[in-house]
Amino acid sequence: MNICELTTNQKNAIDKTKKIYGENWKEEIRRAWRTGVYRWGLDSGEIATLQHLRNTIGNKGLDLIK
């Protein structure tokens, strides 16, 4: 999945996660998806967006995002 296929909210949530967690951003998202616990730095809207992304693309889709 190319990031240009994501909605604006999804792109923004992914970009913010990248900025906060650096090169380990995918691992952080996967951990949050497994536990339901999002660490500091994301607001409730961004968390909801990431949860929706989990429900729609899952880990396989996350692997495709650059």
C-alpha atoms as a PDB file:
ATOM      1  CA  MET A   1       0.000   0.000   0.000  1.00  0.00           C
ATOM      2  CA  ASN A   2       1.377   3.328  -1.004  1.00  0.00           C
ATOM      3  CA  ILE A   3       0.946   6.123   1.516  1.00  0.00           C
ATOM      4  CA  CYS A   4      -0.771   8.169  -1.210  1.00  0.00           C
ATOM      5  CA  GLU A   5      -3.680   5.668  -1.001  1.00  0.00           C
ATOM      6  CA  LEU A   6      -4.321   6.594   2.630  1.00  0.00           C
ATOM      7  CA  THR A   7      -6.763   9.273   3.710  1.00  0.00           C
ATOM      8  CA  THR A   8      -5.416  12.598   4.898  1.00  0.00           C
ATOM      9  CA  ASN A   9      -6.129  11.671   8.531  1.00  0.00           C
ATOM     10  CA  GLN A  10      -4.366   8.335   8.108  1.00  0.00           C
ATOM     11  CA  LYS A  11      -1.339   9.980   6.474  1.00  0.00           C
ATOM     12  CA  ASN A  12      -1.176  12.541   9.274  1.00  0.00           C
ATOM     13  CA  ALA A  13      -1.372   9.896  12.018  1.00  0.00           C
ATOM     14  CA  ILE A  14       1.316   7.785  10.312  1.00  0.00           C
ATOM     15  CA  ASP A  15       3.553  10.816   9.751  1.00  0.00           C
ATOM     16  CA  LYS A  16       3.240  11.883  13.383  1.00  0.00           C
ATOM     17  CA  THR A  17       4.022   8.356  14.550  1.00  0.00           C
ATOM     18  CA  LYS A  18       7.105   8.321  12.302  1.00  0.00           C
ATOM     19  CA  LYS A  19       8.212  11.655  13.739  1.00  0.00           C
ATOM     20  CA  ILE A  20       7.756  10.518  17.356  1.00  0.00           C
ATOM     21  CA  TYR A  21       9.176   6.985  17.103  1.00  0.00           C
ATOM     22  CA  GLY A  22      11.661   7.287  14.259  1.00  0.00           C
ATOM     23  CA  GLU A  23      12.820   4.174  12.467  1.00  0.00           C
ATOM     24  CA  ASN A  24      10.896   1.928  14.873  1.00  0.00           C
ATOM     25  CA  TRP A  25       7.515   3.461  14.064  1.00  0.00           C
ATOM     26  CA  LYS A  26       6.028   0.276  12.591  1.00  0.00           C
ATOM     27  CA  GLU A  27       7.033  -1.754  15.631  1.00  0.00           C
ATOM     28  CA  GLU A  28       5.410   0.855  17.874  1.00  0.00           C
ATOM     29  CA  ILE A  29       2.167   0.724  15.881  1.00  0.00           C
ATOM     30  CA  ARG A  30       2.163  -3.084  15.974  1.00  0.00           C
ATOM     31  CA  ARG A  31       2.710  -3.059  19.747  1.00  0.00           C
ATOM     32  CA  ALA A  32      -0.153  -0.596  20.201  1.00  0.00           C
ATOM     33  CA  TRP A  33      -2.391  -2.671  17.936  1.00  0.00           C
ATOM     34  CA  ARG A  34      -1.644  -5.791  19.995  1.00  0.00           C
ATOM     35  CA  THR A  35      -2.083  -4.175  23.407  1.00  0.00           C
ATOM     36  CA  GLY A  36      -4.514  -1.341  22.721  1.00  0.00           C
ATOM     37  CA  VAL A  37      -2.157   0.929  24.641  1.00  0.00           C
ATOM     38  CA  TYR A  38      -0.814   3.962  22.836  1.00  0.00           C
ATOM     39  CA  ARG A  39       2.111   5.695  24.450  1.00  0.00           C
ATOM     40  CA  TRP A  40       2.581   9.452  24.656  1.00  0.00           C
ATOM     41  CA  GLY A  41       2.434  11.806  21.714  1.00  0.00           C
ATOM     42  CA  LEU A  42      -0.786  10.929  19.908  1.00  0.00           C
ATOM     43  CA  ASP A  43      -4.161  12.499  20.556  1.00  0.00           C
ATOM     44  CA  SER A  44      -7.425  10.558  20.747  1.00  0.00           C
ATOM     45  CA  GLY A  45      -8.320  11.320  17.131  1.00  0.00           C
ATOM     46  CA  GLU A  46      -4.987  10.011  15.864  1.00  0.00           C
ATOM     47  CA  ILE A  47      -5.337   6.905  18.016  1.00  0.00           C
ATOM     48  CA  ALA A  48      -8.830   6.286  16.623  1.00  0.00           C
ATOM     49  CA  THR A  49      -7.468   6.708  13.098  1.00  0.00           C
ATOM     50  CA  LEU A  50      -4.698   4.185  13.743  1.00  0.00           C
ATOM     51  CA  GLN A  51      -7.165   1.735  15.279  1.00  0.00           C
ATOM     52  CA  HIS A  52      -9.380   2.060  12.204  1.00  0.00           C
ATOM     53  CA  LEU A  53      -6.328   1.489  10.030  1.00  0.00           C
ATOM     54  CA  ARG A  54      -5.594  -1.698  12.003  1.00  0.00           C
ATOM     55  CA  ASN A  55      -9.125  -2.903  11.354  1.00  0.00           C
ATOM     56  CA  THR A  56      -8.949  -2.177   7.634  1.00  0.00           C
ATOM     57  CA  ILE A  57      -5.388  -3.052   6.550  1.00  0.00           C
ATOM     58  CA  GLY A  58      -3.840  -4.926   9.473  1.00  0.00           C
ATOM     59  CA  ASN A  59      -0.180  -5.834   9.737  1.00  0.00           C
ATOM     60  CA  LYS A  60       0.108  -6.916   6.104  1.00  0.00           C
ATOM     61  CA  GLY A  61      -1.086  -3.518   4.934  1.00  0.00           C
ATOM     62  CA  LEU A  62       1.194  -1.770   7.413  1.00  0.00           C
ATOM     63  CA  ASP A  63       4.148  -3.640   5.902  1.00  0.00           C
ATOM     64  CA  LEU A  64       3.345  -2.025   2.546  1.00  0.00           C
ATOM     65  CA  ILE A  65       3.392   1.547   3.834  1.00  0.00           C
ATOM     66  CA  LYS A  66       6.689   3.277   3.196  1.00  0.00           C
END
